[in-house]
ModelCIF file with pLDDT and N, C-alpha, C, O atoms, coordinates in Angstrom:
data_MODEL
#
_entry.id   MODEL 
#
_entity.id                         1 
_entity.type                       polymer 
_entity.pdbx_number_of_molecules   1 
#
_entity_poly.entity_id                      1 
_entity_poly.type                           'polypeptide(L)' 
_entity_poly.nstd_linkage                   no 
_entity_poly.nstd_monomer                   no 
_entity_poly.pdbx_seq_one_letter_code       
;(UNK)(UNK)(UNK)(UNK)(UNK)(UNK)(UNK)(UNK)(UNK)(UNK)(UNK)(UNK)(UNK)(UNK)(UNK)(UNK)
(UNK)(UNK)(UNK)(UNK)(UNK)(UNK)(UNK)(UNK)(UNK)(UNK)(UNK)(UNK)(UNK)(UNK)(UNK)(UNK)
(UNK)(UNK)(UNK)(UNK)(UNK)(UNK)(UNK)(UNK)(UNK)(UNK)(UNK)(UNK)
;
_entity_poly.pdbx_seq_one_letter_code_can   XXXXXXXXXXXXXXXXXXXXXXXXXXXXXXXXXXXXXXXXXXXX 
_entity_poly.pdbx_strand_id                 A 
#
loop_
_entity_poly_seq.entity_id 
_entity_poly_seq.num 
_entity_poly_seq.mon_id 
_entity_poly_seq.hetero 
1 1  UNK n 
1 2  UNK n 
1 3  UNK n 
1 4  UNK n 
1 5  UNK n 
1 6  UNK n 
1 7  UNK n 
1 8  UNK n 
1 9  UNK n 
1 10 UNK n 
1 11 UNK n 
1 12 UNK n 
1 13 UNK n 
1 14 UNK n 
1 15 UNK n 
1 16 UNK n 
1 17 UNK n 
1 18 UNK n 
1 19 UNK n 
1 20 UNK n 
1 21 UNK n 
1 22 UNK n 
1 23 UNK n 
1 24 UNK n 
1 25 UNK n 
1 26 UNK n 
1 27 UNK n 
1 28 UNK n 
1 29 UNK n 
1 30 UNK n 
1 31 UNK n 
1 32 UNK n 
1 33 UNK n 
1 34 UNK n 
1 35 UNK n 
1 36 UNK n 
1 37 UNK n 
1 38 UNK n 
1 39 UNK n 
1 40 UNK n 
1 41 UNK n 
1 42 UNK n 
1 43 UNK n 
1 44 UNK n 
#
_struct_asym.id          A 
_struct_asym.entity_id   1 
#
loop_
_ma_qa_metric.id 
_ma_qa_metric.mode 
_ma_qa_metric.name 
_ma_qa_metric.software_group_id 
_ma_qa_metric.type 
1 global pLDDT . pLDDT 
2 local  pLDDT . pLDDT 
#
_ma_qa_metric_global.metric_id      1 
_ma_qa_metric_global.metric_value   96.34 
_ma_qa_metric_global.model_id       1 
_ma_qa_metric_global.ordinal_id     1 
#
loop_
_ma_qa_metric_local.label_asym_id 
_ma_qa_metric_local.label_comp_id 
_ma_qa_metric_local.label_seq_id 
_ma_qa_metric_local.metric_id 
_ma_qa_metric_local.metric_value 
_ma_qa_metric_local.model_id 
_ma_qa_metric_local.ordinal_id 
A UNK 1  2 98.00 1 1  
A UNK 2  2 98.00 1 2  
A UNK 3  2 97.00 1 3  
A UNK 4  2 96.00 1 4  
A UNK 5  2 93.00 1 5  
A UNK 6  2 92.00 1 6  
A UNK 7  2 93.00 1 7  
A UNK 8  2 94.00 1 8  
A UNK 9  2 96.00 1 9  
A UNK 10 2 97.00 1 10 
A UNK 11 2 98.00 1 11 
A UNK 12 2 98.00 1 12 
A UNK 13 2 98.00 1 13 
A UNK 14 2 98.00 1 14 
A UNK 15 2 98.00 1 15 
A UNK 16 2 98.00 1 16 
A UNK 17 2 98.00 1 17 
A UNK 18 2 98.00 1 18 
A UNK 19 2 97.00 1 19 
A UNK 20 2 97.00 1 20 
A UNK 21 2 98.00 1 21 
A UNK 22 2 98.00 1 22 
A UNK 23 2 98.00 1 23 
A UNK 24 2 98.00 1 24 
A UNK 25 2 98.00 1 25 
A UNK 26 2 97.00 1 26 
A UNK 27 2 97.00 1 27 
A UNK 28 2 97.00 1 28 
A UNK 29 2 96.00 1 29 
A UNK 30 2 95.00 1 30 
A UNK 31 2 93.00 1 31 
A UNK 32 2 94.00 1 32 
A UNK 33 2 96.00 1 33 
A UNK 34 2 96.00 1 34 
A UNK 35 2 98.00 1 35 
A UNK 36 2 97.00 1 36 
A UNK 37 2 97.00 1 37 
A UNK 38 2 97.00 1 38 
A UNK 39 2 97.00 1 39 
A UNK 40 2 97.00 1 40 
A UNK 41 2 94.00 1 41 
A UNK 42 2 93.00 1 42 
A UNK 43 2 93.00 1 43 
A UNK 44 2 93.00 1 44 
#
loop_
_atom_site.group_PDB 
_atom_site.id 
_atom_site.type_symbol 
_atom_site.label_atom_id 
_atom_site.label_alt_id 
_atom_site.label_comp_id 
_atom_site.label_asym_id 
_atom_site.label_entity_id 
_atom_site.label_seq_id 
_atom_site.pdbx_PDB_ins_code 
_atom_site.Cartn_x 
_atom_site.Cartn_y 
_atom_site.Cartn_z 
_atom_site.occupancy 
_atom_site.B_iso_or_equiv 
_atom_site.pdbx_formal_charge 
_atom_site.auth_seq_id 
_atom_site.auth_comp_id 
_atom_site.auth_asym_id 
_atom_site.auth_atom_id 
_atom_site.pdbx_PDB_model_num 
ATOM 1   N N  . UNK A 1 1  ? 97.833  139.507 84.207 1.00 98.00 ? 1  UNK A N  1 
ATOM 2   C CA . UNK A 1 1  ? 97.098  138.168 83.990 1.00 98.00 ? 1  UNK A CA 1 
ATOM 3   C C  . UNK A 1 1  ? 97.492  136.968 84.974 1.00 98.00 ? 1  UNK A C  1 
ATOM 4   O O  . UNK A 1 1  ? 98.605  136.763 85.458 1.00 98.00 ? 1  UNK A O  1 
ATOM 5   N N  . UNK A 1 2  ? 96.737  136.487 85.092 1.00 98.00 ? 2  UNK A N  1 
ATOM 6   C CA . UNK A 1 2  ? 96.646  134.934 86.096 1.00 98.00 ? 2  UNK A CA 1 
ATOM 7   C C  . UNK A 1 2  ? 96.071  133.873 85.566 1.00 98.00 ? 2  UNK A C  1 
ATOM 8   O O  . UNK A 1 2  ? 95.359  134.147 84.600 1.00 98.00 ? 2  UNK A O  1 
ATOM 9   N N  . UNK A 1 3  ? 96.139  132.504 85.919 1.00 97.00 ? 3  UNK A N  1 
ATOM 10  C CA . UNK A 1 3  ? 95.027  131.393 85.772 1.00 97.00 ? 3  UNK A CA 1 
ATOM 11  C C  . UNK A 1 3  ? 95.126  130.653 87.021 1.00 97.00 ? 3  UNK A C  1 
ATOM 12  O O  . UNK A 1 3  ? 96.048  130.611 87.836 1.00 97.00 ? 3  UNK A O  1 
ATOM 13  N N  . UNK A 1 4  ? 93.834  130.000 87.006 1.00 96.00 ? 4  UNK A N  1 
ATOM 14  C CA . UNK A 1 4  ? 93.692  129.055 88.050 1.00 96.00 ? 4  UNK A CA 1 
ATOM 15  C C  . UNK A 1 4  ? 93.018  127.682 87.244 1.00 96.00 ? 4  UNK A C  1 
ATOM 16  O O  . UNK A 1 4  ? 91.801  127.533 87.142 1.00 96.00 ? 4  UNK A O  1 
ATOM 17  N N  . UNK A 1 5  ? 93.803  126.926 86.813 1.00 93.00 ? 5  UNK A N  1 
ATOM 18  C CA . UNK A 1 5  ? 93.461  125.667 85.773 1.00 93.00 ? 5  UNK A CA 1 
ATOM 19  C C  . UNK A 1 5  ? 92.814  124.825 86.529 1.00 93.00 ? 5  UNK A C  1 
ATOM 20  O O  . UNK A 1 5  ? 92.007  124.145 85.894 1.00 93.00 ? 5  UNK A O  1 
ATOM 21  N N  . UNK A 1 6  ? 92.881  124.546 88.015 1.00 92.00 ? 6  UNK A N  1 
ATOM 22  C CA . UNK A 1 6  ? 91.797  123.799 88.552 1.00 92.00 ? 6  UNK A CA 1 
ATOM 23  C C  . UNK A 1 6  ? 90.350  124.105 88.527 1.00 92.00 ? 6  UNK A C  1 
ATOM 24  O O  . UNK A 1 6  ? 89.417  123.320 88.697 1.00 92.00 ? 6  UNK A O  1 
ATOM 25  N N  . UNK A 1 7  ? 90.315  125.377 88.286 1.00 93.00 ? 7  UNK A N  1 
ATOM 26  C CA . UNK A 1 7  ? 88.897  126.163 88.001 1.00 93.00 ? 7  UNK A CA 1 
ATOM 27  C C  . UNK A 1 7  ? 88.506  126.708 86.707 1.00 93.00 ? 7  UNK A C  1 
ATOM 28  O O  . UNK A 1 7  ? 87.659  127.554 86.422 1.00 93.00 ? 7  UNK A O  1 
ATOM 29  N N  . UNK A 1 8  ? 89.268  126.073 86.027 1.00 94.00 ? 8  UNK A N  1 
ATOM 30  C CA . UNK A 1 8  ? 89.558  126.562 84.658 1.00 94.00 ? 8  UNK A CA 1 
ATOM 31  C C  . UNK A 1 8  ? 89.308  128.004 84.134 1.00 94.00 ? 8  UNK A C  1 
ATOM 32  O O  . UNK A 1 8  ? 88.741  128.423 83.125 1.00 94.00 ? 8  UNK A O  1 
ATOM 33  N N  . UNK A 1 9  ? 89.809  128.496 84.969 1.00 96.00 ? 9  UNK A N  1 
ATOM 34  C CA . UNK A 1 9  ? 89.443  130.331 84.662 1.00 96.00 ? 9  UNK A CA 1 
ATOM 35  C C  . UNK A 1 9  ? 90.756  130.871 84.524 1.00 96.00 ? 9  UNK A C  1 
ATOM 36  O O  . UNK A 1 9  ? 91.684  130.368 85.156 1.00 96.00 ? 9  UNK A O  1 
ATOM 37  N N  . UNK A 1 10 ? 90.964  132.025 83.623 1.00 97.00 ? 10 UNK A N  1 
ATOM 38  C CA . UNK A 1 10 ? 91.794  132.986 83.648 1.00 97.00 ? 10 UNK A CA 1 
ATOM 39  C C  . UNK A 1 10 ? 91.284  134.457 83.869 1.00 97.00 ? 10 UNK A C  1 
ATOM 40  O O  . UNK A 1 10 ? 90.208  134.878 83.444 1.00 97.00 ? 10 UNK A O  1 
ATOM 41  N N  . UNK A 1 11 ? 92.343  135.288 84.700 1.00 98.00 ? 11 UNK A N  1 
ATOM 42  C CA . UNK A 1 11 ? 91.663  136.071 85.038 1.00 98.00 ? 11 UNK A CA 1 
ATOM 43  C C  . UNK A 1 11 ? 92.723  137.201 84.585 1.00 98.00 ? 11 UNK A C  1 
ATOM 44  O O  . UNK A 1 11 ? 93.852  136.971 84.153 1.00 98.00 ? 11 UNK A O  1 
ATOM 45  N N  . UNK A 1 12 ? 92.070  138.598 84.790 1.00 98.00 ? 12 UNK A N  1 
ATOM 46  C CA . UNK A 1 12 ? 92.492  139.911 83.942 1.00 98.00 ? 12 UNK A CA 1 
ATOM 47  C C  . UNK A 1 12 ? 92.649  140.727 85.342 1.00 98.00 ? 12 UNK A C  1 
ATOM 48  O O  . UNK A 1 12 ? 91.531  140.747 85.857 1.00 98.00 ? 12 UNK A O  1 
ATOM 49  N N  . UNK A 1 13 ? 93.424  141.288 86.019 1.00 98.00 ? 13 UNK A N  1 
ATOM 50  C CA . UNK A 1 13 ? 93.081  142.312 87.258 1.00 98.00 ? 13 UNK A CA 1 
ATOM 51  C C  . UNK A 1 13 ? 93.780  143.420 86.551 1.00 98.00 ? 13 UNK A C  1 
ATOM 52  O O  . UNK A 1 13 ? 94.911  143.338 86.072 1.00 98.00 ? 13 UNK A O  1 
ATOM 53  N N  . UNK A 1 14 ? 92.858  144.659 86.526 1.00 98.00 ? 14 UNK A N  1 
ATOM 54  C CA . UNK A 1 14 ? 93.228  145.759 85.879 1.00 98.00 ? 14 UNK A CA 1 
ATOM 55  C C  . UNK A 1 14 ? 92.956  147.136 86.915 1.00 98.00 ? 14 UNK A C  1 
ATOM 56  O O  . UNK A 1 14 ? 91.876  147.677 87.150 1.00 98.00 ? 14 UNK A O  1 
ATOM 57  N N  . UNK A 1 15 ? 94.257  147.482 87.418 1.00 98.00 ? 15 UNK A N  1 
ATOM 58  C CA . UNK A 1 15 ? 94.348  148.597 88.187 1.00 98.00 ? 15 UNK A CA 1 
ATOM 59  C C  . UNK A 1 15 ? 94.877  149.890 87.485 1.00 98.00 ? 15 UNK A C  1 
ATOM 60  O O  . UNK A 1 15 ? 95.563  149.852 86.464 1.00 98.00 ? 15 UNK A O  1 
ATOM 61  N N  . UNK A 1 16 ? 94.495  151.042 88.126 1.00 98.00 ? 16 UNK A N  1 
ATOM 62  C CA . UNK A 1 16 ? 94.871  152.357 87.691 1.00 98.00 ? 16 UNK A CA 1 
ATOM 63  C C  . UNK A 1 16 ? 94.135  152.551 86.444 1.00 98.00 ? 16 UNK A C  1 
ATOM 64  O O  . UNK A 1 16 ? 94.902  153.123 85.669 1.00 98.00 ? 16 UNK A O  1 
ATOM 65  N N  . UNK A 1 17 ? 93.009  152.341 85.895 1.00 98.00 ? 17 UNK A N  1 
ATOM 66  C CA . UNK A 1 17 ? 92.387  152.169 84.727 1.00 98.00 ? 17 UNK A CA 1 
ATOM 67  C C  . UNK A 1 17 ? 92.102  153.923 84.270 1.00 98.00 ? 17 UNK A C  1 
ATOM 68  O O  . UNK A 1 17 ? 91.810  154.930 84.914 1.00 98.00 ? 17 UNK A O  1 
ATOM 69  N N  . UNK A 1 18 ? 92.334  153.664 83.003 1.00 98.00 ? 18 UNK A N  1 
ATOM 70  C CA . UNK A 1 18 ? 91.985  155.050 82.456 1.00 98.00 ? 18 UNK A CA 1 
ATOM 71  C C  . UNK A 1 18 ? 91.131  155.252 81.125 1.00 98.00 ? 18 UNK A C  1 
ATOM 72  O O  . UNK A 1 18 ? 91.168  154.425 80.214 1.00 98.00 ? 18 UNK A O  1 
ATOM 73  N N  . UNK A 1 19 ? 90.319  156.468 81.076 1.00 97.00 ? 19 UNK A N  1 
ATOM 74  C CA . UNK A 1 19 ? 89.308  156.320 80.325 1.00 97.00 ? 19 UNK A CA 1 
ATOM 75  C C  . UNK A 1 19 ? 89.786  155.848 78.591 1.00 97.00 ? 19 UNK A C  1 
ATOM 76  O O  . UNK A 1 19 ? 88.853  155.812 77.788 1.00 97.00 ? 19 UNK A O  1 
ATOM 77  N N  . UNK A 1 20 ? 90.871  155.585 78.189 1.00 97.00 ? 20 UNK A N  1 
ATOM 78  C CA . UNK A 1 20 ? 91.515  155.005 77.289 1.00 97.00 ? 20 UNK A CA 1 
ATOM 79  C C  . UNK A 1 20 ? 91.471  153.216 77.052 1.00 97.00 ? 20 UNK A C  1 
ATOM 80  O O  . UNK A 1 20 ? 91.756  152.595 76.028 1.00 97.00 ? 20 UNK A O  1 
ATOM 81  N N  . UNK A 1 21 ? 91.055  152.737 78.258 1.00 98.00 ? 21 UNK A N  1 
ATOM 82  C CA . UNK A 1 21 ? 91.023  151.669 78.548 1.00 98.00 ? 21 UNK A CA 1 
ATOM 83  C C  . UNK A 1 21 ? 89.470  150.989 78.032 1.00 98.00 ? 21 UNK A C  1 
ATOM 84  O O  . UNK A 1 21 ? 89.269  149.806 77.754 1.00 98.00 ? 21 UNK A O  1 
ATOM 85  N N  . UNK A 1 22 ? 88.595  151.973 78.004 1.00 98.00 ? 22 UNK A N  1 
ATOM 86  C CA . UNK A 1 22 ? 87.318  151.745 77.760 1.00 98.00 ? 22 UNK A CA 1 
ATOM 87  C C  . UNK A 1 22 ? 87.076  150.681 76.388 1.00 98.00 ? 22 UNK A C  1 
ATOM 88  O O  . UNK A 1 22 ? 87.456  151.023 75.268 1.00 98.00 ? 22 UNK A O  1 
ATOM 89  N N  . UNK A 1 23 ? 86.472  149.506 76.614 1.00 98.00 ? 23 UNK A N  1 
ATOM 90  C CA . UNK A 1 23 ? 86.648  148.748 75.405 1.00 98.00 ? 23 UNK A CA 1 
ATOM 91  C C  . UNK A 1 23 ? 85.737  147.332 75.771 1.00 98.00 ? 23 UNK A C  1 
ATOM 92  O O  . UNK A 1 23 ? 85.647  146.667 76.803 1.00 98.00 ? 23 UNK A O  1 
ATOM 93  N N  . UNK A 1 24 ? 85.256  147.234 74.730 1.00 98.00 ? 24 UNK A N  1 
ATOM 94  C CA . UNK A 1 24 ? 84.934  145.432 74.912 1.00 98.00 ? 24 UNK A CA 1 
ATOM 95  C C  . UNK A 1 24 ? 85.819  144.731 75.214 1.00 98.00 ? 24 UNK A C  1 
ATOM 96  O O  . UNK A 1 24 ? 86.924  145.130 74.849 1.00 98.00 ? 24 UNK A O  1 
ATOM 97  N N  . UNK A 1 25 ? 85.783  143.729 75.802 1.00 98.00 ? 25 UNK A N  1 
ATOM 98  C CA . UNK A 1 25 ? 86.963  142.636 76.269 1.00 98.00 ? 25 UNK A CA 1 
ATOM 99  C C  . UNK A 1 25 ? 86.975  141.423 75.824 1.00 98.00 ? 25 UNK A C  1 
ATOM 100 O O  . UNK A 1 25 ? 85.821  140.999 75.888 1.00 98.00 ? 25 UNK A O  1 
ATOM 101 N N  . UNK A 1 26 ? 87.815  140.494 75.325 1.00 97.00 ? 26 UNK A N  1 
ATOM 102 C CA . UNK A 1 26 ? 87.746  139.457 74.889 1.00 97.00 ? 26 UNK A CA 1 
ATOM 103 C C  . UNK A 1 26 ? 88.732  138.268 75.503 1.00 97.00 ? 26 UNK A C  1 
ATOM 104 O O  . UNK A 1 26 ? 89.872  138.590 75.838 1.00 97.00 ? 26 UNK A O  1 
ATOM 105 N N  . UNK A 1 27 ? 88.394  137.216 75.616 1.00 97.00 ? 27 UNK A N  1 
ATOM 106 C CA . UNK A 1 27 ? 88.916  136.028 75.761 1.00 97.00 ? 27 UNK A CA 1 
ATOM 107 C C  . UNK A 1 27 ? 89.196  135.077 75.024 1.00 97.00 ? 27 UNK A C  1 
ATOM 108 O O  . UNK A 1 27 ? 88.222  134.608 74.435 1.00 97.00 ? 27 UNK A O  1 
ATOM 109 N N  . UNK A 1 28 ? 90.321  134.528 74.794 1.00 97.00 ? 28 UNK A N  1 
ATOM 110 C CA . UNK A 1 28 ? 90.400  133.572 73.753 1.00 97.00 ? 28 UNK A CA 1 
ATOM 111 C C  . UNK A 1 28 ? 91.644  132.511 73.997 1.00 97.00 ? 28 UNK A C  1 
ATOM 112 O O  . UNK A 1 28 ? 92.647  132.882 74.607 1.00 97.00 ? 28 UNK A O  1 
ATOM 113 N N  . UNK A 1 29 ? 91.515  131.164 73.479 1.00 96.00 ? 29 UNK A N  1 
ATOM 114 C CA . UNK A 1 29 ? 92.564  130.326 73.935 1.00 96.00 ? 29 UNK A CA 1 
ATOM 115 C C  . UNK A 1 29 ? 92.936  129.347 72.370 1.00 96.00 ? 29 UNK A C  1 
ATOM 116 O O  . UNK A 1 29 ? 92.331  129.172 71.312 1.00 96.00 ? 29 UNK A O  1 
ATOM 117 N N  . UNK A 1 30 ? 93.855  129.020 72.770 1.00 95.00 ? 30 UNK A N  1 
ATOM 118 C CA . UNK A 1 30 ? 94.454  128.521 71.378 1.00 95.00 ? 30 UNK A CA 1 
ATOM 119 C C  . UNK A 1 30 ? 95.715  127.384 72.113 1.00 95.00 ? 30 UNK A C  1 
ATOM 120 O O  . UNK A 1 30 ? 96.655  127.614 72.875 1.00 95.00 ? 30 UNK A O  1 
ATOM 121 N N  . UNK A 1 31 ? 95.158  125.980 71.412 1.00 93.00 ? 31 UNK A N  1 
ATOM 122 C CA . UNK A 1 31 ? 96.135  125.098 71.391 1.00 93.00 ? 31 UNK A CA 1 
ATOM 123 C C  . UNK A 1 31 ? 97.506  125.099 71.111 1.00 93.00 ? 31 UNK A C  1 
ATOM 124 O O  . UNK A 1 31 ? 98.350  124.489 71.768 1.00 93.00 ? 31 UNK A O  1 
ATOM 125 N N  . UNK A 1 32 ? 97.731  125.842 70.054 1.00 94.00 ? 32 UNK A N  1 
ATOM 126 C CA . UNK A 1 32 ? 99.226  125.719 69.615 1.00 94.00 ? 32 UNK A CA 1 
ATOM 127 C C  . UNK A 1 32 ? 100.249 126.850 69.887 1.00 94.00 ? 32 UNK A C  1 
ATOM 128 O O  . UNK A 1 32 ? 101.438 126.720 69.598 1.00 94.00 ? 32 UNK A O  1 
ATOM 129 N N  . UNK A 1 33 ? 99.700  128.039 70.492 1.00 96.00 ? 33 UNK A N  1 
ATOM 130 C CA . UNK A 1 33 ? 100.245 129.285 69.860 1.00 96.00 ? 33 UNK A CA 1 
ATOM 131 C C  . UNK A 1 33 ? 100.953 129.835 71.629 1.00 96.00 ? 33 UNK A C  1 
ATOM 132 O O  . UNK A 1 33 ? 100.271 129.386 72.551 1.00 96.00 ? 33 UNK A O  1 
ATOM 133 N N  . UNK A 1 34 ? 101.560 130.268 71.850 1.00 96.00 ? 34 UNK A N  1 
ATOM 134 C CA . UNK A 1 34 ? 102.712 130.600 72.783 1.00 96.00 ? 34 UNK A CA 1 
ATOM 135 C C  . UNK A 1 34 ? 102.146 132.387 73.295 1.00 96.00 ? 34 UNK A C  1 
ATOM 136 O O  . UNK A 1 34 ? 101.542 133.177 72.569 1.00 96.00 ? 34 UNK A O  1 
ATOM 137 N N  . UNK A 1 35 ? 102.470 132.551 74.355 1.00 98.00 ? 35 UNK A N  1 
ATOM 138 C CA . UNK A 1 35 ? 102.005 134.253 74.538 1.00 98.00 ? 35 UNK A CA 1 
ATOM 139 C C  . UNK A 1 35 ? 102.769 135.221 73.777 1.00 98.00 ? 35 UNK A C  1 
ATOM 140 O O  . UNK A 1 35 ? 102.241 136.209 73.268 1.00 98.00 ? 35 UNK A O  1 
ATOM 141 N N  . UNK A 1 36 ? 104.005 134.952 73.692 1.00 97.00 ? 36 UNK A N  1 
ATOM 142 C CA . UNK A 1 36 ? 104.336 135.902 72.508 1.00 97.00 ? 36 UNK A CA 1 
ATOM 143 C C  . UNK A 1 36 ? 103.741 135.884 71.110 1.00 97.00 ? 36 UNK A C  1 
ATOM 144 O O  . UNK A 1 36 ? 103.324 136.866 70.496 1.00 97.00 ? 36 UNK A O  1 
ATOM 145 N N  . UNK A 1 37 ? 103.764 134.508 70.663 1.00 97.00 ? 37 UNK A N  1 
ATOM 146 C CA . UNK A 1 37 ? 102.803 134.545 69.510 1.00 97.00 ? 37 UNK A CA 1 
ATOM 147 C C  . UNK A 1 37 ? 101.458 135.146 69.567 1.00 97.00 ? 37 UNK A C  1 
ATOM 148 O O  . UNK A 1 37 ? 101.094 135.816 68.601 1.00 97.00 ? 37 UNK A O  1 
ATOM 149 N N  . UNK A 1 38 ? 100.748 135.006 70.481 1.00 97.00 ? 38 UNK A N  1 
ATOM 150 C CA . UNK A 1 38 ? 99.800  135.194 70.545 1.00 97.00 ? 38 UNK A CA 1 
ATOM 151 C C  . UNK A 1 38 ? 99.588  136.897 70.646 1.00 97.00 ? 38 UNK A C  1 
ATOM 152 O O  . UNK A 1 38 ? 98.497  137.411 70.401 1.00 97.00 ? 38 UNK A O  1 
ATOM 153 N N  . UNK A 1 39 ? 100.583 137.552 70.973 1.00 97.00 ? 39 UNK A N  1 
ATOM 154 C CA . UNK A 1 39 ? 100.721 138.884 71.246 1.00 97.00 ? 39 UNK A CA 1 
ATOM 155 C C  . UNK A 1 39 ? 100.902 139.611 69.675 1.00 97.00 ? 39 UNK A C  1 
ATOM 156 O O  . UNK A 1 39 ? 100.939 140.837 69.577 1.00 97.00 ? 39 UNK A O  1 
ATOM 157 N N  . UNK A 1 40 ? 100.989 138.887 68.706 1.00 97.00 ? 40 UNK A N  1 
ATOM 158 C CA . UNK A 1 40 ? 101.565 139.333 67.590 1.00 97.00 ? 40 UNK A CA 1 
ATOM 159 C C  . UNK A 1 40 ? 100.356 139.272 66.721 1.00 97.00 ? 40 UNK A C  1 
ATOM 160 O O  . UNK A 1 40 ? 100.448 139.800 65.613 1.00 97.00 ? 40 UNK A O  1 
ATOM 161 N N  . UNK A 1 41 ? 98.991  138.579 67.140 1.00 94.00 ? 41 UNK A N  1 
ATOM 162 C CA . UNK A 1 41 ? 97.757  138.588 66.580 1.00 94.00 ? 41 UNK A CA 1 
ATOM 163 C C  . UNK A 1 41 ? 96.484  139.282 67.118 1.00 94.00 ? 41 UNK A C  1 
ATOM 164 O O  . UNK A 1 41 ? 96.506  139.661 68.289 1.00 94.00 ? 41 UNK A O  1 
ATOM 165 N N  . UNK A 1 42 ? 95.575  139.447 66.503 1.00 93.00 ? 42 UNK A N  1 
ATOM 166 C CA . UNK A 1 42 ? 93.916  139.733 66.830 1.00 93.00 ? 42 UNK A CA 1 
ATOM 167 C C  . UNK A 1 42 ? 93.046  139.017 66.130 1.00 93.00 ? 42 UNK A C  1 
ATOM 168 O O  . UNK A 1 42 ? 91.871  139.320 65.925 1.00 93.00 ? 42 UNK A O  1 
ATOM 169 N N  . UNK A 1 43 ? 93.570  138.133 65.784 1.00 93.00 ? 43 UNK A N  1 
ATOM 170 C CA . UNK A 1 43 ? 92.307  136.769 65.084 1.00 93.00 ? 43 UNK A CA 1 
ATOM 171 C C  . UNK A 1 43 ? 93.018  135.643 65.037 1.00 93.00 ? 43 UNK A C  1 
ATOM 172 O O  . UNK A 1 43 ? 94.247  135.616 65.105 1.00 93.00 ? 43 UNK A O  1 
ATOM 173 N N  . UNK A 1 44 ? 92.302  134.681 64.921 1.00 93.00 ? 44 UNK A N  1 
ATOM 174 C CA . UNK A 1 44 ? 92.719  133.475 64.791 1.00 93.00 ? 44 UNK A CA 1 
ATOM 175 C C  . UNK A 1 44 ? 93.104  132.222 65.623 1.00 93.00 ? 44 UNK A C  1 
ATOM 176 O O  . UNK A 1 44 ? 93.481  131.197 65.055 1.00 93.00 ? 44 UNK A O  1 
#
């Protein structure tokens, strides 16, 4: 995962993809949570 704030864009480079990676991928932003806190939720 990386980001370019000047372009207001976040990227997810996915290599060595596996069939189990098949899914609908969503991005989400939060004003107050840090990445560790985000890793513990799937909603909100």
